[in-house]
Amino acid sequence: MNCTARFMAFLFLASMPLLAGTKWVEVRSSHFTVLTNGGARQGREIAKRFEQMRLTFETLFTGVRTDPGKPFIIIAGSNRKSLAEFVPSFRKVPKQKTVAGIFVPTQTRYFAVIDLQYPGYGIINHEYVHMINQLNYAHLPLWLNEGFAEYFENLEVTGSRINIGAPRSNHLTLLSRFRPIPMDSFLATTHDSPNYNERNRVNIFYAQCWAFTHYLHNDAKAREQNLIGKFTSGMQRRLPVKLVTRQAFGDVKELDKSLRDYIKKRRFTYFPVKRKIKVDSKSFSKRTLEEAEILTWKGLFLAACREAEAASFLERAIALDPGMSLAHEGLGILHFSSQAAASSKHLQRALELDPDAAIAHYLLASLLARNYDLTQQDRALIETHLKRVTQLNPNFAAAYADLGELYARMEEDKDTALGLIGKAIQLEAGNLNHRFTMVRALNRFGSYKSSVTLLQRMLNLTDSSRTKKKILFLLEKANGFLHREN
C-alpha cells in the first residue's frame, strides 16, 4: 500500500466517547491478539484466520520468518457503528463507501482494523506480506516487493485447501484500458520514481506489479525457465539489482512482449494447494475488557498521529485504574520524543506494575542511551533492560542491535558486540538501520576496512536517493579513516 495512502487512512481515525454498554472482549492466540465486540466466538474465528495465514506462509516457503518482534493487534468491530466506539472516525466515512480493513504499523506494535460487516482481509494480507519481506529479505526491488503483496492479497485459506494467485479483475481491467509501463522503466521503478508517485501512473504500476509477478509464478514458460528463482537467488547474493535483472530476464523488449501477451489471455491459472492448515481455536484465551483497558488500547492506537487525543484516553484509563501498566507505557511512548523526564517516569511506573513489560524495558534503555557521556550506572541499567527484553521477546531485533552498540560504545568485547548486531540483522533483514548500527560499531572498534565493505554492499540494498547519500557520506568518512591508518 502506498505510504501516503496508509498514513492518510491512519489520520482518518479521530476520537469520540465510548458508547455505554458496549462489551469488548480480548481473544489471544499464540501470535495474535484480537479485540472485538462481535463476541468471543467471532474473536476466535478472526484469530484462527490470522494464525492460518501465518502458517500458510510457513508451509509455502520453507525457512521463512513469520514472527516479528512487535505484538500484532487486531481490532474487529461488528459493524461500522460499533467499530466507531473503538475507532471513532469510521463514522465520518460516507455510507456508500466501504472501509473493510486497514493496517497500521507503529513504533511498538502492528494494528489491523477490520469491519466485520464487510470483512476484508485483502489489505491485511498485502501489508502482512510486506512485513514478511522485511523480516526475510535484505532488499527487494519495488516491483517485486509490491508484486508479492499484490499476488497474495486475495489468498484464501479453506478447510483443506490454499488458493494462491486467483486473477485480480480490477488490475486486468486497468491494464486492458491503459498500455503497461515499458519494462525497462517498470523494473527500474523506485519510491522516488514518477511511476510510483504520480496519480495517473501509480495504479497502473500496482496492476503491472501483480501481472508480472503472476506471470513469473504461473506462466508455463516462465516457470520452466525458473525466472523468479534466478532473480531471487541473485538478490540473496546481494548482487546489484540491474545485474540481477539482466541475468535473470535477458532481453527486456522480449519480456515486454511476453507480459503483454500474458495480460491479453482470457484464462488465468492459479494454484489450489491441497493442504490442511490446522489451528486449534479452543486453545485461545478469552476475557472481557474493562473500560480502562479499552481506553488504553484507543490511546496506544492513536499515539503515533493524534497525541492530544491519545493522551486524553490514556489519562482517563489511569484515572479509572491507576494500576494499568499498559496505560503508563502508552504515556511513556507519547512523551518519548519530546519529554524524556515524563516518559521515563511513566515507563518506570509501567515496570513497577508489570516487570515483564518488554516494550517499557526497551524504551527506558533507549532514553538512557541518549546521554552522550554514560555513567557506569547508566551502562549497567541499559544492559539490564536490554537483556531482559531479549529474554521476554527473543524476536525483538532492535534490543540486540542496541545492546551490541552499547558494548561498542564501551569498546568492550568486540566479538559479542558485533554478534549481537548481526543477530538483529538476521531477525530483520530488510531493516537497514541495523546495518547502520553495525557500521558505527565497526568504526568504534577501528575496523574501517570492514566498515567500507559493508557500506559498499549497502548501496545495493536501497532504492532511496536520500539513503544512498547517507551511505556515500559515511563511506567517504570511513575511507578517510582507513587512508590515515595506512
Protein backbone atom coordinates (compact mmCIF):
# COMPACT_ATOMS: atom_id res chain seq x y z
CA MET A 1 0.00 0.00 0.00
CA ASN A 2 1.26 3.48 -0.86
CA CYS A 3 2.75 5.05 2.32
CA THR A 4 0.83 8.30 1.85
CA ALA A 5 -2.47 6.48 1.45
CA ARG A 6 -1.79 4.37 4.53
CA PHE A 7 -0.83 7.43 6.57
CA MET A 8 -3.99 9.28 5.47
CA ALA A 9 -6.06 6.27 6.46
CA PHE A 10 -4.40 6.40 9.87
CA LEU A 11 -5.02 10.14 10.28
CA PHE A 12 -8.63 9.47 9.38
CA LEU A 13 -9.19 7.86 12.80
CA ALA A 14 -10.32 10.58 15.23
CA SER A 15 -11.74 10.34 18.71
CA MET A 16 -15.18 10.20 20.33
CA PRO A 17 -16.60 8.99 23.69
CA LEU A 18 -17.34 5.31 24.15
CA LEU A 19 -20.98 4.27 23.90
CA ALA A 20 -22.29 2.88 27.15
CA GLY A 21 -22.98 -0.81 27.40
CA THR A 22 -20.62 -1.97 24.65
CA LYS A 23 -18.91 -5.24 25.51
CA TRP A 24 -15.46 -5.76 24.05
CA VAL A 25 -13.57 -8.99 24.51
CA GLU A 26 -9.94 -9.92 24.09
CA VAL A 27 -9.02 -13.21 22.41
CA ARG A 28 -5.37 -14.27 22.43
CA SER A 29 -3.82 -16.92 20.22
CA SER A 30 -0.14 -17.86 20.11
CA HIS A 31 0.81 -14.94 17.83
CA PHE A 32 -2.14 -12.51 17.68
CA THR A 33 -4.41 -10.52 19.99
CA VAL A 34 -7.97 -9.78 18.84
CA LEU A 35 -10.07 -7.02 20.40
CA THR A 36 -13.70 -7.30 19.28
CA ASN A 37 -17.30 -6.56 20.23
CA GLY A 38 -18.50 -9.32 17.92
CA GLY A 39 -18.35 -11.91 20.69
CA ALA A 40 -15.80 -14.48 21.77
CA ARG A 41 -16.76 -16.93 19.02
CA GLN A 42 -16.18 -14.31 16.33
CA GLY A 43 -12.94 -13.30 18.02
CA ARG A 44 -11.70 -16.87 17.93
CA GLU A 45 -12.56 -17.15 14.22
CA ILE A 46 -10.59 -13.98 13.46
CA ALA A 47 -7.57 -15.14 15.46
CA LYS A 48 -7.83 -18.53 13.72
CA ARG A 49 -7.87 -16.80 10.30
CA PHE A 50 -4.68 -14.89 11.11
CA GLU A 51 -2.96 -17.98 12.54
CA GLN A 52 -3.90 -19.86 9.35
CA MET A 53 -2.43 -17.06 7.23
CA ARG A 54 0.81 -17.18 9.21
CA LEU A 55 1.03 -20.98 8.94
CA THR A 56 0.28 -20.76 5.22
CA PHE A 57 3.43 -18.72 4.62
CA GLU A 58 5.46 -21.09 6.79
CA THR A 59 4.05 -24.01 4.79
CA LEU A 60 4.59 -22.50 1.35
CA PHE A 61 8.06 -21.09 1.98
CA THR A 62 10.42 -23.34 3.91
CA GLY A 63 12.53 -21.46 6.42
CA VAL A 64 10.69 -18.15 6.07
CA ARG A 65 10.49 -16.00 9.21
CA THR A 66 6.90 -15.03 10.08
CA ASP A 67 7.17 -13.68 13.63
CA PRO A 68 8.10 -10.01 14.09
CA GLY A 69 9.40 -8.58 17.33
CA LYS A 70 6.29 -6.41 17.75
CA PRO A 71 2.89 -7.51 19.11
CA PHE A 72 0.21 -7.87 16.41
CA ILE A 73 -3.17 -6.43 17.49
CA ILE A 74 -6.43 -6.87 15.54
CA ILE A 75 -9.34 -4.51 16.27
CA ALA A 76 -12.57 -6.02 14.88
CA GLY A 77 -15.93 -4.23 15.16
CA SER A 78 -19.24 -5.97 14.45
CA ASN A 79 -20.16 -3.12 12.09
CA ARG A 80 -19.06 0.43 11.31
CA LYS A 81 -21.22 1.96 14.03
CA SER A 82 -19.87 -0.29 16.75
CA LEU A 83 -16.32 -0.06 15.40
CA ALA A 84 -16.60 3.71 15.77
CA GLU A 85 -16.77 3.16 19.54
CA PHE A 86 -13.19 1.99 19.30
CA VAL A 87 -12.04 3.78 16.16
CA PRO A 88 -14.47 6.71 16.21
CA SER A 89 -13.89 8.44 12.90
CA PHE A 90 -15.23 5.46 10.99
CA ARG A 91 -18.47 7.41 11.50
CA LYS A 92 -17.17 10.00 9.03
CA VAL A 93 -16.83 7.52 6.17
CA PRO A 94 -19.67 8.06 3.65
CA LYS A 95 -22.28 5.31 3.94
CA GLN A 96 -21.86 4.32 0.31
CA LYS A 97 -18.12 3.75 0.82
CA THR A 98 -16.82 0.51 2.31
CA VAL A 99 -13.71 0.54 4.51
CA ALA A 100 -13.26 -3.18 5.10
CA GLY A 101 -9.87 -3.02 6.77
CA ILE A 102 -6.69 -1.01 7.29
CA PHE A 103 -3.21 -1.89 8.51
CA VAL A 104 -1.28 0.49 10.78
CA PRO A 105 2.33 -0.25 11.81
CA THR A 106 3.53 1.84 14.76
CA GLN A 107 6.83 2.10 16.64
CA THR A 108 5.85 -0.59 19.11
CA ARG A 109 3.00 -2.63 17.57
CA TYR A 110 1.22 -3.68 14.39
CA PHE A 111 -2.51 -2.86 14.26
CA ALA A 112 -5.05 -4.37 11.86
CA VAL A 113 -8.56 -2.84 11.90
CA ILE A 114 -11.47 -4.84 10.43
CA ASP A 115 -15.17 -4.07 9.95
CA LEU A 116 -16.86 -7.45 10.43
CA GLN A 117 -19.88 -6.33 8.42
CA TYR A 118 -17.58 -6.17 5.37
CA PRO A 119 -14.73 -8.46 6.42
CA GLY A 120 -11.85 -7.56 4.15
CA TYR A 121 -8.57 -9.37 4.62
CA GLY A 122 -7.06 -8.20 1.31
CA ILE A 123 -5.26 -5.12 2.63
CA ILE A 124 -4.22 -7.08 5.74
CA ASN A 125 -2.77 -9.86 3.57
CA HIS A 126 -0.99 -7.23 1.45
CA GLU A 127 0.71 -5.50 4.38
CA TYR A 128 1.41 -8.79 6.14
CA VAL A 129 3.45 -9.83 3.08
CA HIS A 130 5.40 -6.55 3.27
CA MET A 131 6.15 -7.34 6.91
CA ILE A 132 7.39 -10.83 5.97
CA ASN A 133 9.50 -9.37 3.15
CA GLN A 134 11.24 -7.05 5.60
CA LEU A 135 11.92 -9.89 8.02
CA ASN A 136 13.45 -12.13 5.33
CA TYR A 137 14.95 -10.07 2.51
CA ALA A 138 17.75 -7.54 2.80
CA HIS A 139 16.32 -5.81 -0.27
CA LEU A 140 13.71 -6.38 -2.93
CA PRO A 141 13.15 -4.03 -5.87
CA LEU A 142 9.92 -2.10 -5.54
CA TRP A 143 8.12 -4.00 -8.31
CA LEU A 144 8.73 -7.35 -6.60
CA ASN A 145 8.03 -6.10 -3.07
CA GLU A 146 4.66 -4.77 -4.23
CA GLY A 147 4.20 -7.66 -6.65
CA PHE A 148 4.44 -10.29 -3.90
CA ALA A 149 1.99 -8.28 -1.78
CA GLU A 150 -0.48 -7.88 -4.67
CA TYR A 151 -0.15 -11.55 -5.67
CA PHE A 152 -1.01 -12.81 -2.17
CA GLU A 153 -3.61 -10.12 -1.40
CA ASN A 154 -6.52 -12.42 -2.33
CA LEU A 155 -5.02 -15.51 -0.69
CA GLU A 156 -7.77 -17.85 0.51
CA VAL A 157 -7.39 -20.50 3.20
CA THR A 158 -10.23 -23.03 3.38
CA GLY A 159 -10.57 -26.19 5.43
CA SER A 160 -8.31 -28.35 3.28
CA ARG A 161 -7.03 -26.05 0.54
CA ILE A 162 -4.99 -22.89 0.00
CA ASN A 163 -5.90 -20.84 -3.09
CA ILE A 164 -3.00 -18.78 -4.43
CA GLY A 165 -2.85 -16.43 -7.42
CA ALA A 166 -6.54 -16.05 -8.31
CA PRO A 167 -6.99 -13.39 -11.07
CA ARG A 168 -7.46 -9.76 -9.98
CA SER A 169 -10.24 -8.37 -12.19
CA ASN A 170 -9.56 -4.75 -11.17
CA HIS A 171 -5.95 -4.99 -12.31
CA LEU A 172 -6.81 -6.78 -15.54
CA THR A 173 -9.45 -4.17 -16.39
CA LEU A 174 -6.98 -1.34 -15.82
CA LEU A 175 -4.27 -2.99 -17.92
CA SER A 176 -6.75 -3.62 -20.74
CA ARG A 177 -7.63 0.09 -20.87
CA PHE A 178 -4.13 1.53 -20.48
CA ARG A 179 -0.84 0.49 -22.02
CA PRO A 180 1.51 -1.18 -19.50
CA ILE A 181 4.64 0.69 -18.45
CA PRO A 182 7.65 -0.28 -20.65
CA MET A 183 9.56 -3.00 -18.79
CA ASP A 184 12.87 -1.12 -18.63
CA SER A 185 11.09 1.74 -16.82
CA PHE A 186 8.89 -0.61 -14.77
CA LEU A 187 11.78 -2.73 -13.46
CA ALA A 188 13.77 0.39 -12.53
CA THR A 189 10.92 2.00 -10.56
CA THR A 190 11.84 3.21 -7.05
CA HIS A 191 9.99 5.09 -4.31
CA ASP A 192 11.27 8.32 -5.91
CA SER A 193 10.04 7.49 -9.43
CA PRO A 194 7.09 9.12 -11.25
CA ASN A 195 5.69 5.61 -11.82
CA TYR A 196 5.17 5.39 -8.04
CA ASN A 197 4.36 8.99 -7.16
CA GLU A 198 2.11 10.32 -9.92
CA ARG A 199 -1.59 9.50 -9.56
CA ASN A 200 -2.11 8.63 -13.22
CA ARG A 201 0.78 6.14 -13.12
CA VAL A 202 0.77 4.51 -9.68
CA ASN A 203 -2.43 2.48 -10.21
CA ILE A 204 -1.02 1.10 -13.46
CA PHE A 205 2.24 0.35 -11.66
CA TYR A 206 0.45 -1.67 -8.94
CA ALA A 207 -1.61 -3.53 -11.55
CA GLN A 208 1.54 -4.35 -13.51
CA CYS A 209 3.32 -5.49 -10.32
CA TRP A 210 0.54 -8.04 -9.85
CA ALA A 211 0.51 -9.06 -13.53
CA PHE A 212 4.29 -9.53 -13.82
CA THR A 213 4.53 -11.44 -10.52
CA HIS A 214 1.59 -13.61 -11.63
CA TYR A 215 3.35 -14.22 -14.95
CA LEU A 216 6.59 -15.25 -13.23
CA HIS A 217 4.79 -17.66 -10.90
CA ASN A 218 2.08 -19.04 -13.18
CA ASP A 219 3.14 -18.89 -16.83
CA ALA A 220 4.34 -22.31 -18.02
CA LYS A 221 7.36 -20.97 -19.95
CA ALA A 222 8.42 -18.59 -17.14
CA ARG A 223 8.18 -21.44 -14.65
CA GLU A 224 10.16 -23.77 -16.93
CA GLN A 225 12.93 -21.15 -17.20
CA ASN A 226 12.72 -20.53 -13.41
CA LEU A 227 12.82 -16.76 -13.93
CA ILE A 228 11.64 -15.87 -10.42
CA GLY A 229 14.10 -18.37 -8.89
CA LYS A 230 17.03 -16.87 -10.82
CA PHE A 231 16.04 -13.36 -9.79
CA THR A 232 15.54 -14.03 -6.07
CA SER A 233 18.75 -16.09 -5.98
CA GLY A 234 20.69 -13.13 -7.35
CA MET A 235 19.09 -10.80 -4.82
CA GLN A 236 20.01 -13.14 -1.96
CA ARG A 237 23.64 -12.96 -3.13
CA ARG A 238 23.45 -9.15 -2.68
CA LEU A 239 24.25 -8.50 -6.35
CA PRO A 240 23.28 -5.12 -7.90
CA VAL A 241 19.63 -5.08 -8.99
CA LYS A 242 20.44 -4.10 -12.59
CA LEU A 243 22.86 -7.01 -12.93
CA VAL A 244 20.39 -9.49 -11.41
CA THR A 245 17.62 -8.21 -13.70
CA ARG A 246 19.78 -8.64 -16.81
CA GLN A 247 20.97 -12.10 -15.80
CA ALA A 248 17.50 -13.39 -14.87
CA PHE A 249 15.32 -11.84 -17.58
CA GLY A 250 17.64 -11.19 -20.52
CA ASP A 251 16.12 -9.13 -23.37
CA VAL A 252 13.75 -6.57 -21.85
CA LYS A 253 11.97 -5.99 -25.18
CA GLU A 254 11.13 -9.69 -25.39
CA LEU A 255 9.91 -9.51 -21.78
CA ASP A 256 7.64 -6.59 -22.78
CA LYS A 257 6.01 -8.73 -25.45
CA SER A 258 5.66 -11.77 -23.19
CA LEU A 259 3.88 -9.75 -20.49
CA ARG A 260 1.53 -8.02 -22.96
CA ASP A 261 0.58 -11.41 -24.44
CA TYR A 262 0.06 -12.81 -20.94
CA ILE A 263 -2.25 -9.95 -19.91
CA LYS A 264 -4.39 -10.46 -23.03
CA LYS A 265 -5.18 -14.05 -22.05
CA ARG A 266 -8.78 -14.78 -21.15
CA ARG A 267 -7.98 -17.56 -18.72
CA PHE A 268 -5.50 -17.42 -15.86
CA THR A 269 -4.27 -20.39 -13.87
CA TYR A 270 -3.91 -20.30 -10.13
CA PHE A 271 -2.72 -22.83 -7.59
CA PRO A 272 -5.09 -24.58 -5.21
CA VAL A 273 -2.69 -26.26 -2.77
CA LYS A 274 -4.29 -29.26 -1.10
CA ARG A 275 -3.04 -28.89 2.41
CA LYS A 276 -4.96 -28.56 5.65
CA ILE A 277 -3.81 -25.72 7.89
CA LYS A 278 -4.71 -26.93 11.37
CA VAL A 279 -5.30 -24.36 14.11
CA ASP A 280 -6.96 -25.26 17.42
CA SER A 281 -9.06 -22.21 18.27
CA LYS A 282 -10.27 -23.85 21.50
CA SER A 283 -6.84 -23.22 22.99
CA PHE A 284 -7.19 -19.43 22.60
CA SER A 285 -7.75 -17.46 25.80
CA LYS A 286 -10.75 -15.12 26.17
CA ARG A 287 -11.75 -12.40 28.61
CA THR A 288 -13.96 -9.31 28.75
CA LEU A 289 -12.16 -5.94 28.62
CA GLU A 290 -12.75 -3.31 31.27
CA GLU A 291 -13.38 0.30 30.22
CA ALA A 292 -9.89 1.36 31.33
CA GLU A 293 -8.39 -1.30 29.03
CA ILE A 294 -10.45 -0.14 26.06
CA LEU A 295 -9.36 3.47 26.66
CA THR A 296 -5.74 2.29 26.87
CA TRP A 297 -5.89 0.49 23.54
CA LYS A 298 -7.50 3.52 21.91
CA GLY A 299 -4.67 5.68 23.26
CA LEU A 300 -1.98 3.30 22.03
CA PHE A 301 -3.61 3.13 18.60
CA LEU A 302 -3.78 6.92 18.23
CA ALA A 303 -0.38 7.63 19.81
CA ALA A 304 1.53 7.93 16.53
CA CYS A 305 -0.56 10.69 14.98
CA ARG A 306 -3.10 12.15 17.44
CA GLU A 307 -1.08 12.88 20.56
CA ALA A 308 -3.63 15.08 22.35
CA GLU A 309 -6.49 12.58 21.91
CA ALA A 310 -4.22 9.67 22.79
CA ALA A 311 -3.07 11.39 26.00
CA SER A 312 -6.69 12.05 26.98
CA PHE A 313 -7.62 8.38 26.59
CA LEU A 314 -4.56 7.15 28.49
CA GLU A 315 -5.00 9.63 31.34
CA ARG A 316 -8.68 8.63 31.66
CA ALA A 317 -7.61 5.00 31.75
CA ILE A 318 -5.19 5.67 34.61
CA ALA A 319 -7.86 7.65 36.48
CA LEU A 320 -10.15 4.62 36.25
CA ASP A 321 -7.40 2.13 37.06
CA PRO A 322 -4.13 3.56 38.46
CA GLY A 323 -2.61 0.09 38.26
CA MET A 324 -2.90 -0.11 34.44
CA SER A 325 0.70 -0.75 33.40
CA LEU A 326 -0.09 -0.59 29.68
CA ALA A 327 -1.60 2.91 30.04
CA HIS A 328 1.59 4.17 31.71
CA GLU A 329 3.59 2.55 28.92
CA GLY A 330 1.39 4.41 26.42
CA LEU A 331 2.12 7.77 28.05
CA GLY A 332 5.81 6.83 28.04
CA ILE A 333 5.56 6.29 24.29
CA LEU A 334 3.72 9.60 23.80
CA HIS A 335 6.34 11.62 25.67
CA PHE A 336 9.33 9.63 24.38
CA SER A 337 10.47 12.07 21.68
CA SER A 338 9.91 15.42 23.38
CA GLN A 339 9.64 14.96 27.16
CA ALA A 340 12.26 12.50 28.33
CA ALA A 341 11.65 13.01 32.06
CA ALA A 342 7.89 12.47 31.78
CA SER A 343 8.43 9.47 29.53
CA SER A 344 10.91 7.91 31.94
CA LYS A 345 8.53 8.45 34.89
CA HIS A 346 5.66 6.62 33.17
CA LEU A 347 7.85 3.82 31.83
CA GLN A 348 9.32 3.20 35.28
CA ARG A 349 5.80 3.11 36.73
CA ALA A 350 4.78 0.65 33.99
CA LEU A 351 7.62 -1.66 35.06
CA GLU A 352 6.72 -1.35 38.73
CA LEU A 353 3.24 -2.60 37.82
CA ASP A 354 4.45 -5.20 35.31
CA PRO A 355 8.14 -6.14 35.48
CA ASP A 356 7.73 -8.17 32.26
CA ALA A 357 6.66 -5.23 30.06
CA ALA A 358 9.25 -5.73 27.31
CA ILE A 359 8.49 -2.51 25.42
CA ALA A 360 8.83 -0.41 28.59
CA HIS A 361 12.22 -2.03 29.27
CA TYR A 362 13.35 -1.25 25.71
CA LEU A 363 12.19 2.38 25.73
CA LEU A 364 13.80 3.08 29.11
CA ALA A 365 17.09 1.72 27.79
CA SER A 366 16.74 3.94 24.71
CA LEU A 367 16.15 7.02 26.87
CA LEU A 368 19.24 6.33 28.95
CA ALA A 369 21.35 5.65 25.84
CA ARG A 370 20.67 9.19 24.59
CA ASN A 371 23.14 10.56 27.13
CA TYR A 372 26.43 11.41 25.46
CA ASP A 373 28.54 10.52 28.50
CA LEU A 374 27.23 7.34 30.06
CA THR A 375 27.99 6.70 33.72
CA GLN A 376 28.81 3.21 34.92
CA GLN A 377 25.35 3.08 36.46
CA ASP A 378 23.73 4.12 33.15
CA ARG A 379 25.60 1.39 31.30
CA ALA A 380 24.57 -1.24 33.82
CA LEU A 381 20.91 -0.18 33.67
CA ILE A 382 20.84 -0.12 29.86
CA GLU A 383 22.43 -3.56 29.73
CA THR A 384 19.97 -4.95 32.29
CA HIS A 385 16.92 -3.57 30.46
CA LEU A 386 18.03 -4.77 27.03
CA LYS A 387 18.99 -8.24 28.22
CA ARG A 388 15.58 -8.52 29.85
CA VAL A 389 13.91 -7.57 26.55
CA THR A 390 15.72 -10.35 24.69
CA GLN A 391 14.63 -12.83 27.38
CA LEU A 392 10.99 -11.71 27.21
CA ASN A 393 10.88 -11.40 23.42
CA PRO A 394 13.66 -13.25 21.57
CA ASN A 395 12.48 -11.76 18.24
CA PHE A 396 12.90 -8.11 19.34
CA ALA A 397 15.65 -7.23 16.86
CA ALA A 398 16.26 -3.64 17.99
CA ALA A 399 17.16 -4.79 21.51
CA TYR A 400 20.04 -6.92 20.16
CA ALA A 401 21.24 -4.05 17.97
CA ASP A 402 21.17 -1.54 20.84
CA LEU A 403 22.91 -3.93 23.23
CA GLY A 404 25.64 -4.51 20.65
CA GLU A 405 26.03 -0.78 20.15
CA LEU A 406 26.26 -0.27 23.92
CA TYR A 407 29.23 -2.68 24.07
CA ALA A 408 30.77 -0.88 21.09
CA ARG A 409 30.44 2.48 22.85
CA MET A 410 32.23 0.95 25.83
CA GLU A 411 34.79 -0.52 23.36
CA GLU A 412 34.46 -3.85 25.13
CA ASP A 413 34.07 -7.40 23.81
CA LYS A 414 34.15 -6.75 20.05
CA ASP A 415 33.02 -10.23 19.06
CA THR A 416 29.98 -10.11 21.35
CA ALA A 417 29.04 -6.60 20.21
CA LEU A 418 29.21 -7.42 16.51
CA GLY A 419 27.49 -10.76 17.07
CA LEU A 420 24.50 -9.07 18.74
CA ILE A 421 24.12 -6.57 15.92
CA GLY A 422 24.44 -9.42 13.44
CA LYS A 423 21.58 -11.14 15.27
CA ALA A 424 19.40 -8.05 14.74
CA ILE A 425 20.22 -8.08 11.01
CA GLN A 426 19.30 -11.76 10.87
CA LEU A 427 15.95 -11.10 12.58
CA GLU A 428 15.04 -8.10 10.38
CA ALA A 429 16.98 -8.50 7.17
CA GLY A 430 15.23 -5.59 5.46
CA ASN A 431 15.75 -3.04 8.24
CA LEU A 432 18.75 -1.03 7.06
CA ASN A 433 19.03 0.74 10.43
CA HIS A 434 20.65 -2.37 11.92
CA ARG A 435 23.36 -2.24 9.26
CA PHE A 436 23.98 1.43 10.07
CA THR A 437 24.38 0.34 13.70
CA MET A 438 26.93 -2.23 12.54
CA VAL A 439 28.84 0.47 10.65
CA ARG A 440 29.01 2.64 13.79
CA ALA A 441 30.21 -0.33 15.85
CA LEU A 442 32.90 -1.29 13.33
CA ASN A 443 34.16 2.29 13.31
CA ARG A 444 34.24 2.34 17.12
CA PHE A 445 36.49 -0.71 17.08
CA GLY A 446 38.66 0.77 14.32
CA SER A 447 37.58 -1.87 11.77
CA TYR A 448 37.39 0.66 8.94
CA LYS A 449 38.08 -1.83 6.16
CA SER A 450 35.08 -3.93 7.23
CA SER A 451 33.02 -0.76 7.56
CA VAL A 452 33.88 0.27 3.98
CA THR A 453 32.99 -3.21 2.66
CA LEU A 454 29.63 -3.17 4.44
CA LEU A 455 28.76 0.34 3.23
CA GLN A 456 29.59 -0.63 -0.35
CA ARG A 457 27.19 -3.58 -0.06
CA MET A 458 24.53 -1.37 1.48
CA LEU A 459 24.45 0.75 -1.69
CA ASN A 460 22.83 -2.27 -3.39
CA LEU A 461 20.22 -2.62 -0.63
CA THR A 462 18.27 0.60 -1.12
CA ASP A 463 16.48 2.48 -3.88
CA SER A 464 16.21 5.69 -1.84
CA SER A 465 18.38 8.54 -3.11
CA ARG A 466 18.38 10.06 0.37
CA THR A 467 19.63 6.83 1.96
CA LYS A 468 22.27 6.42 -0.75
CA LYS A 469 23.57 9.93 0.04
CA LYS A 470 23.86 8.99 3.71
CA ILE A 471 25.75 5.81 2.82
CA LEU A 472 28.12 7.67 0.48
CA PHE A 473 28.81 10.27 3.20
CA LEU A 474 29.67 7.53 5.72
CA LEU A 475 31.71 5.71 3.07
CA GLU A 476 33.81 8.82 2.47
CA LYS A 477 34.44 9.18 6.23
CA ALA A 478 35.36 5.51 6.66
CA ASN A 479 37.72 5.65 3.66
CA GLY A 480 39.32 8.73 5.19
CA PHE A 481 39.99 6.88 8.46
CA LEU A 482 41.31 3.90 6.51
CA HIS A 483 43.77 6.01 4.48
CA ARG A 484 45.05 7.68 7.66
CA GLU A 485 45.72 4.25 9.16
CA ASN A 486 47.75 3.26 6.10
